[in-house]
Amino acid sequence: MSEFRSKGPELLIDLTEHIAVALNELVSMDDASARHVAQEVADRMAAHWGGQNIYFPMGLSVKLSRRDRQIYEDFNGTNHSDLARKYAVSLQWIYKIVKAVRKDEIARRQVDMFAPLTDD
């Protein structure tokens, strides 16, 4: 019978390494400081969520949302085909994205008539 082996320590080590690399690359933190901060973050995450099964979403909806916003920003009213090629999606998908983002933009800009008034 094989013994159950926790991936916890490996996960914390990997998390620490990824955080340290990100700190080094994104904010030019020196290696020793980056490793110290990374270890502290990993330790705090372990203390807060230790023992729980945690699912990390891949963040695809956020990435797609950014991409969709960029497509909308690049859209000039006549370049559907160009955008489909540039972003490697179908022409129909470009139409759908433009329509959805436009709808979202309109909804964000409209005032909610039923929202309570505030004294700002």
PDB file of N, CA and C in Angstrom:
ATOM      1  N   MET A   1       0.845  -1.177   0.000  1.00  0.00           N
ATOM      2  CA  MET A   1       0.000   0.000   0.000  1.00  0.00           C
ATOM      3  C   MET A   1       0.889   1.238   0.000  1.00  0.00           C
ATOM      4  N   SER A   2       0.634   2.144  -0.951  1.00  0.00           N
ATOM      5  CA  SER A   2       1.462   3.343  -1.010  1.00  0.00           C
ATOM      6  C   SER A   2       1.014   4.347   0.042  1.00  0.00           C
ATOM      7  N   GLU A   3       1.955   5.019   0.571  1.00  0.00           N
ATOM      8  CA  GLU A   3       1.700   5.987   1.629  1.00  0.00           C
ATOM      9  C   GLU A   3       1.305   7.323   1.021  1.00  0.00           C
ATOM     10  N   PHE A   4       0.261   7.967   1.593  1.00  0.00           N
ATOM     11  CA  PHE A   4      -0.145   9.293   1.132  1.00  0.00           C
ATOM     12  C   PHE A   4       0.974  10.288   1.428  1.00  0.00           C
ATOM     13  N   ARG A   5       1.292  11.090   0.444  1.00  0.00           N
ATOM     14  CA  ARG A   5       2.363  12.069   0.612  1.00  0.00           C
ATOM     15  C   ARG A   5       1.823  13.448   0.272  1.00  0.00           C
ATOM     16  N   SER A   6       1.891  14.379   1.187  1.00  0.00           N
ATOM     17  CA  SER A   6       1.388  15.725   0.985  1.00  0.00           C
ATOM     18  C   SER A   6       2.267  16.498   0.019  1.00  0.00           C
ATOM     19  N   LYS A   7       1.641  17.275  -0.826  1.00  0.00           N
ATOM     20  CA  LYS A   7       2.372  18.155  -1.745  1.00  0.00           C
ATOM     21  C   LYS A   7       2.568  19.533  -1.117  1.00  0.00           C
ATOM     22  N   GLY A   8       2.146  19.689   0.124  1.00  0.00           N
ATOM     23  CA  GLY A   8       2.209  20.983   0.793  1.00  0.00           C
ATOM     24  C   GLY A   8       3.578  21.633   0.796  1.00  0.00           C
ATOM     25  N   PRO A   9       4.609  20.951   1.281  1.00  0.00           N
ATOM     26  CA  PRO A   9       5.926  21.589   1.315  1.00  0.00           C
ATOM     27  C   PRO A   9       6.424  21.985  -0.075  1.00  0.00           C
ATOM     28  N   GLU A  10       6.177  21.107  -1.058  1.00  0.00           N
ATOM     29  CA  GLU A  10       6.603  21.433  -2.423  1.00  0.00           C
ATOM     30  C   GLU A  10       5.865  22.656  -2.942  1.00  0.00           C
ATOM     31  N   LEU A  11       4.583  22.743  -2.614  1.00  0.00           N
ATOM     32  CA  LEU A  11       3.778  23.885  -3.047  1.00  0.00           C
ATOM     33  C   LEU A  11       4.314  25.184  -2.442  1.00  0.00           C
ATOM     34  N   LEU A  12       4.638  25.162  -1.166  1.00  0.00           N
ATOM     35  CA  LEU A  12       5.149  26.372  -0.506  1.00  0.00           C
ATOM     36  C   LEU A  12       6.516  26.769  -1.055  1.00  0.00           C
ATOM     37  N   ILE A  13       7.351  25.791  -1.338  1.00  0.00           N
ATOM     38  CA  ILE A  13       8.666  26.079  -1.917  1.00  0.00           C
ATOM     39  C   ILE A  13       8.498  26.694  -3.303  1.00  0.00           C
ATOM     40  N   ASP A  14       7.620  26.099  -4.111  1.00  0.00           N
ATOM     41  CA  ASP A  14       7.378  26.603  -5.461  1.00  0.00           C
ATOM     42  C   ASP A  14       6.777  28.007  -5.417  1.00  0.00           C
ATOM     43  N   LEU A  15       5.831  28.206  -4.508  1.00  0.00           N
ATOM     44  CA  LEU A  15       5.217  29.527  -4.350  1.00  0.00           C
ATOM     45  C   LEU A  15       6.272  30.568  -3.977  1.00  0.00           C
ATOM     46  N   THR A  16       7.127  30.229  -3.039  1.00  0.00           N
ATOM     47  CA  THR A  16       8.200  31.132  -2.616  1.00  0.00           C
ATOM     48  C   THR A  16       9.106  31.494  -3.791  1.00  0.00           C
ATOM     49  N   GLU A  17       9.472  30.491  -4.575  1.00  0.00           N
ATOM     50  CA  GLU A  17      10.353  30.746  -5.713  1.00  0.00           C
ATOM     51  C   GLU A  17       9.691  31.654  -6.752  1.00  0.00           C
ATOM     52  N   HIS A  18       8.415  31.409  -7.034  1.00  0.00           N
ATOM     53  CA  HIS A  18       7.709  32.238  -8.027  1.00  0.00           C
ATOM     54  C   HIS A  18       7.538  33.682  -7.544  1.00  0.00           C
ATOM     55  N   ILE A  19       7.232  33.841  -6.287  1.00  0.00           N
ATOM     56  CA  ILE A  19       7.088  35.196  -5.732  1.00  0.00           C
ATOM     57  C   ILE A  19       8.426  35.928  -5.780  1.00  0.00           C
ATOM     58  N   ALA A  20       9.495  35.243  -5.411  1.00  0.00           N
ATOM     59  CA  ALA A  20      10.824  35.868  -5.424  1.00  0.00           C
ATOM     60  C   ALA A  20      11.213  36.309  -6.834  1.00  0.00           C
ATOM     61  N   VAL A  21      10.966  35.459  -7.807  1.00  0.00           N
ATOM     62  CA  VAL A  21      11.281  35.812  -9.198  1.00  0.00           C
ATOM     63  C   VAL A  21      10.449  37.017  -9.638  1.00  0.00           C
ATOM     64  N   ALA A  22       9.159  37.016  -9.297  1.00  0.00           N
ATOM     65  CA  ALA A  22       8.293  38.132  -9.682  1.00  0.00           C
ATOM     66  C   ALA A  22       8.772  39.439  -9.050  1.00  0.00           C
ATOM     67  N   LEU A  23       9.132  39.399  -7.781  1.00  0.00           N
ATOM     68  CA  LEU A  23       9.624  40.610  -7.114  1.00  0.00           C
ATOM     69  C   LEU A  23      10.911  41.106  -7.758  1.00  0.00           C
ATOM     70  N   ASN A  24      11.773  40.174  -8.101  1.00  0.00           N
ATOM     71  CA  ASN A  24      13.029  40.528  -8.740  1.00  0.00           C
ATOM     72  C   ASN A  24      12.788  41.158 -10.104  1.00  0.00           C
ATOM     73  N   GLU A  25      11.909  40.548 -10.895  1.00  0.00           N
ATOM     74  CA  GLU A  25      11.653  41.036 -12.250  1.00  0.00           C
ATOM     75  C   GLU A  25      10.798  42.301 -12.281  1.00  0.00           C
ATOM     76  N   LEU A  26       9.756  42.344 -11.461  1.00  0.00           N
ATOM     77  CA  LEU A  26       8.787  43.431 -11.562  1.00  0.00           C
ATOM     78  C   LEU A  26       9.183  44.696 -10.821  1.00  0.00           C
ATOM     79  N   VAL A  27       9.859  44.547  -9.700  1.00  0.00           N
ATOM     80  CA  VAL A  27      10.237  45.740  -8.931  1.00  0.00           C
ATOM     81  C   VAL A  27      11.736  45.817  -8.680  1.00  0.00           C
ATOM     82  N   SER A  28      12.489  45.013  -9.397  1.00  0.00           N
ATOM     83  CA  SER A  28      13.953  45.012  -9.313  1.00  0.00           C
ATOM     84  C   SER A  28      14.469  44.860  -7.886  1.00  0.00           C
ATOM     85  N   MET A  29      13.785  44.030  -7.112  1.00  0.00           N
ATOM     86  CA  MET A  29      14.225  43.789  -5.743  1.00  0.00           C
ATOM     87  C   MET A  29      15.435  42.856  -5.778  1.00  0.00           C
ATOM     88  N   ASP A  30      16.407  43.117  -4.912  1.00  0.00           N
ATOM     89  CA  ASP A  30      17.584  42.250  -4.879  1.00  0.00           C
ATOM     90  C   ASP A  30      17.172  40.849  -4.431  1.00  0.00           C
ATOM     91  N   ASP A  31      17.982  39.867  -4.805  1.00  0.00           N
ATOM     92  CA  ASP A  31      17.632  38.459  -4.585  1.00  0.00           C
ATOM     93  C   ASP A  31      17.352  38.128  -3.121  1.00  0.00           C
ATOM     94  N   ALA A  32      18.186  38.605  -2.211  1.00  0.00           N
ATOM     95  CA  ALA A  32      18.011  38.273  -0.792  1.00  0.00           C
ATOM     96  C   ALA A  32      16.704  38.859  -0.249  1.00  0.00           C
ATOM     97  N   SER A  33      16.430  40.108  -0.585  1.00  0.00           N
ATOM     98  CA  SER A  33      15.190  40.742  -0.117  1.00  0.00           C
ATOM     99  C   SER A  33      13.970  40.080  -0.749  1.00  0.00           C
ATOM    100  N   ALA A  34      14.069  39.777  -2.028  1.00  0.00           N
ATOM    101  CA  ALA A  34      12.961  39.136  -2.726  1.00  0.00           C
ATOM    102  C   ALA A  34      12.654  37.786  -2.096  1.00  0.00           C
ATOM    103  N   ARG A  35      13.679  37.012  -1.787  1.00  0.00           N
ATOM    104  CA  ARG A  35      13.480  35.707  -1.167  1.00  0.00           C
ATOM    105  C   ARG A  35      12.873  35.862   0.219  1.00  0.00           C
ATOM    106  N   HIS A  36      13.326  36.867   0.985  1.00  0.00           N
ATOM    107  CA  HIS A  36      12.789  37.107   2.330  1.00  0.00           C
ATOM    108  C   HIS A  36      11.299  37.453   2.264  1.00  0.00           C
ATOM    109  N   VAL A  37      10.937  38.380   1.386  1.00  0.00           N
ATOM    110  CA  VAL A  37       9.535  38.786   1.241  1.00  0.00           C
ATOM    111  C   VAL A  37       8.707  37.604   0.743  1.00  0.00           C
ATOM    112  N   ALA A  38       9.225  36.870  -0.229  1.00  0.00           N
ATOM    113  CA  ALA A  38       8.511  35.719  -0.783  1.00  0.00           C
ATOM    114  C   ALA A  38       8.236  34.678   0.295  1.00  0.00           C
ATOM    115  N   GLN A  39       9.232  34.422   1.135  1.00  0.00           N
ATOM    116  CA  GLN A  39       9.054  33.457   2.219  1.00  0.00           C
ATOM    117  C   GLN A  39       7.997  33.932   3.199  1.00  0.00           C
ATOM    118  N   GLU A  40       8.004  35.214   3.496  1.00  0.00           N
ATOM    119  CA  GLU A  40       7.011  35.791   4.404  1.00  0.00           C
ATOM    120  C   GLU A  40       5.596  35.655   3.827  1.00  0.00           C
ATOM    121  N   VAL A  41       5.443  35.934   2.543  1.00  0.00           N
ATOM    122  CA  VAL A  41       4.133  35.803   1.891  1.00  0.00           C
ATOM    123  C   VAL A  41       3.677  34.341   1.931  1.00  0.00           C
ATOM    124  N   ALA A  42       4.555  33.423   1.566  1.00  0.00           N
ATOM    125  CA  ALA A  42       4.207  31.998   1.586  1.00  0.00           C
ATOM    126  C   ALA A  42       3.841  31.542   2.997  1.00  0.00           C
ATOM    127  N   ASP A  43       4.582  31.997   3.999  1.00  0.00           N
ATOM    128  CA  ASP A  43       4.286  31.631   5.389  1.00  0.00           C
ATOM    129  C   ASP A  43       2.914  32.160   5.810  1.00  0.00           C
ATOM    130  N   ARG A  44       2.597  33.378   5.423  1.00  0.00           N
ATOM    131  CA  ARG A  44       1.299  33.959   5.780  1.00  0.00           C
ATOM    132  C   ARG A  44       0.154  33.236   5.076  1.00  0.00           C
ATOM    133  N   MET A  45       0.379  32.867   3.823  1.00  0.00           N
ATOM    134  CA  MET A  45      -0.644  32.106   3.108  1.00  0.00           C
ATOM    135  C   MET A  45      -0.849  30.747   3.775  1.00  0.00           C
ATOM    136  N   ALA A  46       0.236  30.104   4.181  1.00  0.00           N
ATOM    137  CA  ALA A  46       0.143  28.813   4.859  1.00  0.00           C
ATOM    138  C   ALA A  46      -0.588  28.951   6.192  1.00  0.00           C
ATOM    139  N   ALA A  47      -0.301  30.030   6.926  1.00  0.00           N
ATOM    140  CA  ALA A  47      -0.962  30.241   8.214  1.00  0.00           C
ATOM    141  C   ALA A  47      -2.451  30.516   8.027  1.00  0.00           C
ATOM    142  N   HIS A  48      -2.783  31.245   6.983  1.00  0.00           N
ATOM    143  CA  HIS A  48      -4.178  31.623   6.751  1.00  0.00           C
ATOM    144  C   HIS A  48      -4.989  30.479   6.147  1.00  0.00           C
ATOM    145  N   TRP A  49      -4.432  29.776   5.155  1.00  0.00           N
ATOM    146  CA  TRP A  49      -5.172  28.749   4.429  1.00  0.00           C
ATOM    147  C   TRP A  49      -4.651  27.341   4.673  1.00  0.00           C
ATOM    148  N   GLY A  50      -3.676  27.190   5.564  1.00  0.00           N
ATOM    149  CA  GLY A  50      -3.078  25.881   5.808  1.00  0.00           C
ATOM    150  C   GLY A  50      -4.109  24.818   6.152  1.00  0.00           C
ATOM    151  N   GLY A  51      -3.964  23.657   5.560  1.00  0.00           N
ATOM    152  CA  GLY A  51      -4.858  22.543   5.811  1.00  0.00           C
ATOM    153  C   GLY A  51      -6.092  22.524   4.929  1.00  0.00           C
ATOM    154  N   GLN A  52      -6.306  23.573   4.162  1.00  0.00           N
ATOM    155  CA  GLN A  52      -7.477  23.628   3.291  1.00  0.00           C
ATOM    156  C   GLN A  52      -7.096  23.212   1.878  1.00  0.00           C
ATOM    157  N   ASN A  53      -8.061  22.681   1.162  1.00  0.00           N
ATOM    158  CA  ASN A  53      -7.873  22.426  -0.256  1.00  0.00           C
ATOM    159  C   ASN A  53      -8.197  23.719  -0.984  1.00  0.00           C
ATOM    160  N   ILE A  54      -7.215  24.287  -1.608  1.00  0.00           N
ATOM    161  CA  ILE A  54      -7.373  25.571  -2.293  1.00  0.00           C
ATOM    162  C   ILE A  54      -7.314  25.345  -3.791  1.00  0.00           C
ATOM    163  N   TYR A  55      -8.255  25.945  -4.494  1.00  0.00           N
ATOM    164  CA  TYR A  55      -8.281  25.896  -5.949  1.00  0.00           C
ATOM    165  C   TYR A  55      -7.858  27.260  -6.465  1.00  0.00           C
ATOM    166  N   PHE A  56      -6.815  27.292  -7.289  1.00  0.00           N
ATOM    167  CA  PHE A  56      -6.387  28.538  -7.912  1.00  0.00           C
ATOM    168  C   PHE A  56      -6.955  28.583  -9.318  1.00  0.00           C
ATOM    169  N   PRO A  57      -7.893  29.496  -9.576  1.00  0.00           N
ATOM    170  CA  PRO A  57      -8.402  29.609 -10.943  1.00  0.00           C
ATOM    171  C   PRO A  57      -7.289  30.091 -11.860  1.00  0.00           C
ATOM    172  N   MET A  58      -7.401  29.750 -13.123  1.00  0.00           N
ATOM    173  CA  MET A  58      -6.368  30.129 -14.079  1.00  0.00           C
ATOM    174  C   MET A  58      -6.481  31.595 -14.490  1.00  0.00           C
ATOM    175  N   GLY A  59      -7.556  32.244 -14.098  1.00  0.00           N
ATOM    176  CA  GLY A  59      -7.713  33.659 -14.421  1.00  0.00           C
ATOM    177  C   GLY A  59      -8.033  33.920 -15.877  1.00  0.00           C
ATOM    178  N   LEU A  60      -8.572  32.934 -16.550  1.00  0.00           N
ATOM    179  CA  LEU A  60      -8.841  33.104 -17.977  1.00  0.00           C
ATOM    180  C   LEU A  60      -9.874  34.187 -18.236  1.00  0.00           C
ATOM    181  N   SER A  61     -10.876  34.305 -17.348  1.00  0.00           N
ATOM    182  CA  SER A  61     -11.901  35.320 -17.591  1.00  0.00           C
ATOM    183  C   SER A  61     -11.310  36.720 -17.510  1.00  0.00           C
ATOM    184  N   VAL A  62     -10.366  36.932 -16.603  1.00  0.00           N
ATOM    185  CA  VAL A  62      -9.718  38.239 -16.503  1.00  0.00           C
ATOM    186  C   VAL A  62      -8.868  38.499 -17.732  1.00  0.00           C
ATOM    187  N   LYS A  63      -8.113  37.486 -18.163  1.00  0.00           N
ATOM    188  CA  LYS A  63      -7.281  37.635 -19.349  1.00  0.00           C
ATOM    189  C   LYS A  63      -8.141  37.877 -20.577  1.00  0.00           C
ATOM    190  N   LEU A  64      -9.238  37.115 -20.701  1.00  0.00           N
ATOM    191  CA  LEU A  64     -10.131  37.307 -21.833  1.00  0.00           C
ATOM    192  C   LEU A  64     -10.757  38.680 -21.767  1.00  0.00           C
ATOM    193  N   SER A  65     -11.104  39.116 -20.570  1.00  0.00           N
ATOM    194  CA  SER A  65     -11.707  40.426 -20.429  1.00  0.00           C
ATOM    195  C   SER A  65     -10.738  41.513 -20.889  1.00  0.00           C
ATOM    196  N   ARG A  66      -9.478  41.392 -20.502  1.00  0.00           N
ATOM    197  CA  ARG A  66      -8.470  42.353 -20.951  1.00  0.00           C
ATOM    198  C   ARG A  66      -8.346  42.318 -22.467  1.00  0.00           C
ATOM    199  N   ARG A  67      -8.302  41.089 -23.003  1.00  0.00           N
ATOM    200  CA  ARG A  67      -8.202  40.943 -24.449  1.00  0.00           C
ATOM    201  C   ARG A  67      -9.424  41.531 -25.138  1.00  0.00           C
ATOM    202  N   ASP A  68     -10.607  41.249 -24.593  1.00  0.00           N
ATOM    203  CA  ASP A  68     -11.833  41.766 -25.188  1.00  0.00           C
ATOM    204  C   ASP A  68     -11.852  43.289 -25.159  1.00  0.00           C
ATOM    205  N   ARG A  69     -11.404  43.868 -24.064  1.00  0.00           N
ATOM    206  CA  ARG A  69     -11.341  45.340 -23.970  1.00  0.00           C
ATOM    207  C   ARG A  69     -10.354  45.888 -24.999  1.00  0.00           C
ATOM    208  N   GLN A  70      -9.234  45.193 -25.172  1.00  0.00           N
ATOM    209  CA  GLN A  70      -8.246  45.637 -26.154  1.00  0.00           C
ATOM    210  C   GLN A  70      -8.814  45.545 -27.561  1.00  0.00           C
ATOM    211  N   ILE A  71      -9.539  44.480 -27.848  1.00  0.00           N
ATOM    212  CA  ILE A  71     -10.190  44.347 -29.155  1.00  0.00           C
ATOM    213  C   ILE A  71     -11.144  45.513 -29.363  1.00  0.00           C
ATOM    214  N   TYR A  72     -11.927  45.827 -28.335  1.00  0.00           N
ATOM    215  CA  TYR A  72     -12.880  46.935 -28.438  1.00  0.00           C
ATOM    216  C   TYR A  72     -12.149  48.256 -28.667  1.00  0.00           C
ATOM    217  N   GLU A  73     -11.043  48.446 -27.956  1.00  0.00           N
ATOM    218  CA  GLU A  73     -10.259  49.677 -28.133  1.00  0.00           C
ATOM    219  C   GLU A  73      -9.678  49.763 -29.543  1.00  0.00           C
ATOM    220  N   ASP A  74      -9.274  48.629 -30.103  1.00  0.00           N
ATOM    221  CA  ASP A  74      -8.691  48.592 -31.448  1.00  0.00           C
ATOM    222  C   ASP A  74      -9.747  48.704 -32.549  1.00  0.00           C
ATOM    223  N   PHE A  75     -10.998  48.472 -32.180  1.00  0.00           N
ATOM    224  CA  PHE A  75     -12.078  48.460 -33.165  1.00  0.00           C
ATOM    225  C   PHE A  75     -12.358  49.881 -33.656  1.00  0.00           C
ATOM    226  N   ASN A  76     -12.423  50.044 -34.992  1.00  0.00           N
ATOM    227  CA  ASN A  76     -12.689  51.372 -35.554  1.00  0.00           C
ATOM    228  C   ASN A  76     -13.995  51.432 -36.341  1.00  0.00           C
ATOM    229  N   GLY A  77     -14.778  50.352 -36.280  1.00  0.00           N
ATOM    230  CA  GLY A  77     -16.055  50.321 -36.972  1.00  0.00           C
ATOM    231  C   GLY A  77     -16.022  49.557 -38.273  1.00  0.00           C
ATOM    232  N   THR A  78     -14.829  49.383 -38.826  1.00  0.00           N
ATOM    233  CA  THR A  78     -14.729  48.690 -40.117  1.00  0.00           C
ATOM    234  C   THR A  78     -13.640  47.618 -40.155  1.00  0.00           C
ATOM    235  N   ASN A  79     -12.951  47.390 -39.067  1.00  0.00           N
ATOM    236  CA  ASN A  79     -11.794  46.482 -39.099  1.00  0.00           C
ATOM    237  C   ASN A  79     -12.058  45.134 -38.429  1.00  0.00           C
ATOM    238  N   HIS A  80     -13.269  44.629 -38.536  1.00  0.00           N
ATOM    239  CA  HIS A  80     -13.606  43.339 -37.941  1.00  0.00           C
ATOM    240  C   HIS A  80     -12.658  42.231 -38.396  1.00  0.00           C
ATOM    241  N   SER A  81     -12.440  42.136 -39.689  1.00  0.00           N
ATOM    242  CA  SER A  81     -11.594  41.063 -40.238  1.00  0.00           C
ATOM    243  C   SER A  81     -10.150  41.185 -39.774  1.00  0.00           C
ATOM    244  N   ASP A  82      -9.642  42.403 -39.764  1.00  0.00           N
ATOM    245  CA  ASP A  82      -8.271  42.621 -39.301  1.00  0.00           C
ATOM    246  C   ASP A  82      -8.108  42.183 -37.843  1.00  0.00           C
ATOM    247  N   LEU A  83      -9.090  42.519 -37.011  1.00  0.00           N
ATOM    248  CA  LEU A  83      -9.023  42.148 -35.593  1.00  0.00           C
ATOM    249  C   LEU A  83      -9.121  40.633 -35.412  1.00  0.00           C
ATOM    250  N   ALA A  84      -9.954  39.995 -36.220  1.00  0.00           N
ATOM    251  CA  ALA A  84     -10.077  38.535 -36.136  1.00  0.00           C
ATOM    252  C   ALA A  84      -8.735  37.873 -36.432  1.00  0.00           C
ATOM    253  N   ARG A  85      -8.029  38.367 -37.436  1.00  0.00           N
ATOM    254  CA  ARG A  85      -6.707  37.819 -37.753  1.00  0.00           C
ATOM    255  C   ARG A  85      -5.703  38.145 -36.652  1.00  0.00           C
ATOM    256  N   LYS A  86      -5.689  39.392 -36.204  1.00  0.00           N
ATOM    257  CA  LYS A  86      -4.722  39.834 -35.194  1.00  0.00           C
ATOM    258  C   LYS A  86      -4.852  39.035 -33.893  1.00  0.00           C
ATOM    259  N   TYR A  87      -6.093  38.786 -33.464  1.00  0.00           N
ATOM    260  CA  TYR A  87      -6.315  38.109 -32.188  1.00  0.00           C
ATOM    261  C   TYR A  87      -6.624  36.617 -32.340  1.00  0.00           C
ATOM    262  N   ALA A  88      -6.523  36.110 -33.555  1.00  0.00           N
ATOM    263  CA  ALA A  88      -6.718  34.686 -33.848  1.00  0.00           C
ATOM    264  C   ALA A  88      -8.055  34.161 -33.341  1.00  0.00           C
ATOM    265  N   VAL A  89      -9.095  34.903 -33.639  1.00  0.00           N
ATOM    266  CA  VAL A  89     -10.462  34.476 -33.315  1.00  0.00           C
ATOM    267  C   VAL A  89     -11.313  34.616 -34.571  1.00  0.00           C
ATOM    268  N   SER A  90     -12.510  34.075 -34.518  1.00  0.00           N
ATOM    269  CA  SER A  90     -13.379  34.142 -35.687  1.00  0.00           C
ATOM    270  C   SER A  90     -13.976  35.538 -35.842  1.00  0.00           C
ATOM    271  N   LEU A  91     -14.405  35.821 -37.034  1.00  0.00           N
ATOM    272  CA  LEU A  91     -15.065  37.093 -37.329  1.00  0.00           C
ATOM    273  C   LEU A  91     -16.321  37.246 -36.472  1.00  0.00           C
ATOM    274  N   GLN A  92     -17.073  36.159 -36.333  1.00  0.00           N
ATOM    275  CA  GLN A  92     -18.280  36.196 -35.506  1.00  0.00           C
ATOM    276  C   GLN A  92     -17.947  36.527 -34.052  1.00  0.00           C
ATOM    277  N   TRP A  93     -16.806  36.027 -33.590  1.00  0.00           N
ATOM    278  CA  TRP A  93     -16.388  36.295 -32.213  1.00  0.00           C
ATOM    279  C   TRP A  93     -16.080  37.785 -32.032  1.00  0.00           C
ATOM    280  N   ILE A  94     -15.472  38.401 -33.028  1.00  0.00           N
ATOM    281  CA  ILE A  94     -15.192  39.844 -32.966  1.00  0.00           C
ATOM    282  C   ILE A  94     -16.501  40.614 -32.849  1.00  0.00           C
ATOM    283  N   TYR A  95     -17.489  40.274 -33.672  1.00  0.00           N
ATOM    284  CA  TYR A  95     -18.798  40.936 -33.582  1.00  0.00           C
ATOM    285  C   TYR A  95     -19.393  40.780 -32.190  1.00  0.00           C
ATOM    286  N   LYS A  96     -19.301  39.570 -31.643  1.00  0.00           N
ATOM    287  CA  LYS A  96     -19.856  39.287 -30.318  1.00  0.00           C
ATOM    288  C   LYS A  96     -19.139  40.107 -29.236  1.00  0.00           C
ATOM    289  N   ILE A  97     -17.812  40.153 -29.317  1.00  0.00           N
ATOM    290  CA  ILE A  97     -17.030  40.905 -28.328  1.00  0.00           C
ATOM    291  C   ILE A  97     -17.358  42.393 -28.390  1.00  0.00           C
ATOM    292  N   VAL A  98     -17.380  42.949 -29.595  1.00  0.00           N
ATOM    293  CA  VAL A  98     -17.668  44.377 -29.751  1.00  0.00           C
ATOM    294  C   VAL A  98     -19.052  44.690 -29.189  1.00  0.00           C
ATOM    295  N   LYS A  99     -20.022  43.852 -29.493  1.00  0.00           N
ATOM    296  CA  LYS A  99     -21.383  44.061 -29.001  1.00  0.00           C
ATOM    297  C   LYS A  99     -21.433  43.987 -27.469  1.00  0.00           C
ATOM    298  N   ALA A 100     -20.781  42.973 -26.892  1.00  0.00           N
ATOM    299  CA  ALA A 100     -20.804  42.782 -25.441  1.00  0.00           C
ATOM    300  C   ALA A 100     -20.093  43.912 -24.712  1.00  0.00           C
ATOM    301  N   VAL A 101     -18.935  44.319 -25.200  1.00  0.00           N
ATOM    302  CA  VAL A 101     -18.193  45.392 -24.524  1.00  0.00           C
ATOM    303  C   VAL A 101     -18.938  46.713 -24.672  1.00  0.00           C
ATOM    304  N   ARG A 102     -19.507  46.952 -25.832  1.00  0.00           N
ATOM    305  CA  ARG A 102     -20.293  48.179 -26.036  1.00  0.00           C
ATOM    306  C   ARG A 102     -21.464  48.217 -25.050  1.00  0.00           C
ATOM    307  N   LYS A 103     -22.152  47.093 -24.892  1.00  0.00           N
ATOM    308  CA  LYS A 103     -23.277  47.004 -23.957  1.00  0.00           C
ATOM    309  C   LYS A 103     -22.808  47.284 -22.528  1.00  0.00           C
ATOM    310  N   ASP A 104     -21.660  46.708 -22.160  1.00  0.00           N
ATOM    311  CA  ASP A 104     -21.098  46.920 -20.836  1.00  0.00           C
ATOM    312  C   ASP A 104     -20.731  48.391 -20.625  1.00  0.00           C
ATOM    313  N   GLU A 105     -20.139  49.002 -21.632  1.00  0.00           N
ATOM    314  CA  GLU A 105     -19.770  50.424 -21.542  1.00  0.00           C
ATOM    315  C   GLU A 105     -21.006  51.296 -21.342  1.00  0.00           C
ATOM    316  N   ILE A 106     -22.062  51.022 -22.077  1.00  0.00           N
ATOM    317  CA  ILE A 106     -23.298  51.801 -21.955  1.00  0.00           C
ATOM    318  C   ILE A 106     -23.891  51.623 -20.558  1.00  0.00           C
ATOM    319  N   ALA A 107     -23.912  50.384 -20.067  1.00  0.00           N
ATOM    320  CA  ALA A 107     -24.462  50.109 -18.735  1.00  0.00           C
ATOM    321  C   ALA A 107     -23.661  50.818 -17.650  1.00  0.00           C
ATOM    322  N   ARG A 108     -22.357  50.860 -17.793  1.00  0.00           N
ATOM    323  CA  ARG A 108     -21.508  51.528 -16.789  1.00  0.00           C
ATOM    324  C   ARG A 108     -21.747  53.023 -16.756  1.00  0.00           C
ATOM    325  N   ARG A 109     -22.059  53.600 -17.909  1.00  0.00           N
ATOM    326  CA  ARG A 109     -22.216  55.054 -17.997  1.00  0.00           C
ATOM    327  C   ARG A 109     -23.597  55.542 -17.614  1.00  0.00           C
ATOM    328  N   GLN A 110     -24.589  54.657 -17.645  1.00  0.00           N
ATOM    329  CA  GLN A 110     -25.943  55.083 -17.331  1.00  0.00           C
ATOM    330  C   GLN A 110     -26.133  55.189 -15.834  1.00  0.00           C
ATOM    331  N   VAL A 111     -26.935  56.154 -15.425  1.00  0.00           N
ATOM    332  CA  VAL A 111     -27.230  56.379 -14.022  1.00  0.00           C
ATOM    333  C   VAL A 111     -28.348  55.438 -13.605  1.00  0.00           C
ATOM    334  N   ASP A 112     -28.196  54.830 -12.429  1.00  0.00           N
ATOM    335  CA  ASP A 112     -29.242  53.984 -11.880  1.00  0.00           C
ATOM    336  C   ASP A 112     -30.300  54.880 -11.252  1.00  0.00           C
ATOM    337  N   MET A 113     -31.496  54.917 -11.869  1.00  0.00           N
ATOM    338  CA  MET A 113     -32.555  55.802 -11.386  1.00  0.00           C
ATOM    339  C   MET A 113     -33.085  55.399 -10.024  1.00  0.00           C
ATOM    340  N   PHE A 114     -32.848  54.168  -9.614  1.00  0.00           N
ATOM    341  CA  PHE A 114     -33.378  53.675  -8.363  1.00  0.00           C
ATOM    342  C   PHE A 114     -32.346  53.583  -7.244  1.00  0.00           C
ATOM    343  N   ALA A 115     -31.130  53.994  -7.536  1.00  0.00           N
ATOM    344  CA  ALA A 115     -30.078  53.984  -6.533  1.00  0.00           C
ATOM    345  C   ALA A 115     -30.339  55.096  -5.522  1.00  0.00           C
ATOM    346  N   PRO A 116     -30.030  54.854  -4.248  1.00  0.00           N
ATOM    347  CA  PRO A 116     -30.230  55.910  -3.251  1.00  0.00           C
ATOM    348  C   PRO A 116     -29.310  57.091  -3.525  1.00  0.00           C
ATOM    349  N   LEU A 117     -29.833  58.280  -3.248  1.00  0.00           N
ATOM    350  CA  LEU A 117     -29.027  59.493  -3.460  1.00  0.00           C
ATOM    351  C   LEU A 117     -28.066  59.646  -2.307  1.00  0.00           C
ATOM    352  N   THR A 118     -26.877  60.128  -2.618  1.00  0.00           N
ATOM    353  CA  THR A 118     -25.869  60.380  -1.588  1.00  0.00           C
ATOM    354  C   THR A 118     -25.476  61.831  -1.624  1.00  0.00           C
ATOM    355  N   ASP A 119     -25.020  62.328  -0.507  1.00  0.00           N
ATOM    356  CA  ASP A 119     -24.559  63.716  -0.415  1.00  0.00           C
ATOM    357  C   ASP A 119     -23.048  63.741  -0.527  1.00  0.00           C
ATOM    358  N   ASP A 120     -22.531  63.672  -1.740  1.00  0.00           N
ATOM    359  CA  ASP A 120     -21.074  63.674  -1.931  1.00  0.00           C
ATOM    360  C   ASP A 120     -20.545  65.058  -1.987  1.00  0.00           C
TER     361      ASP A 120
END
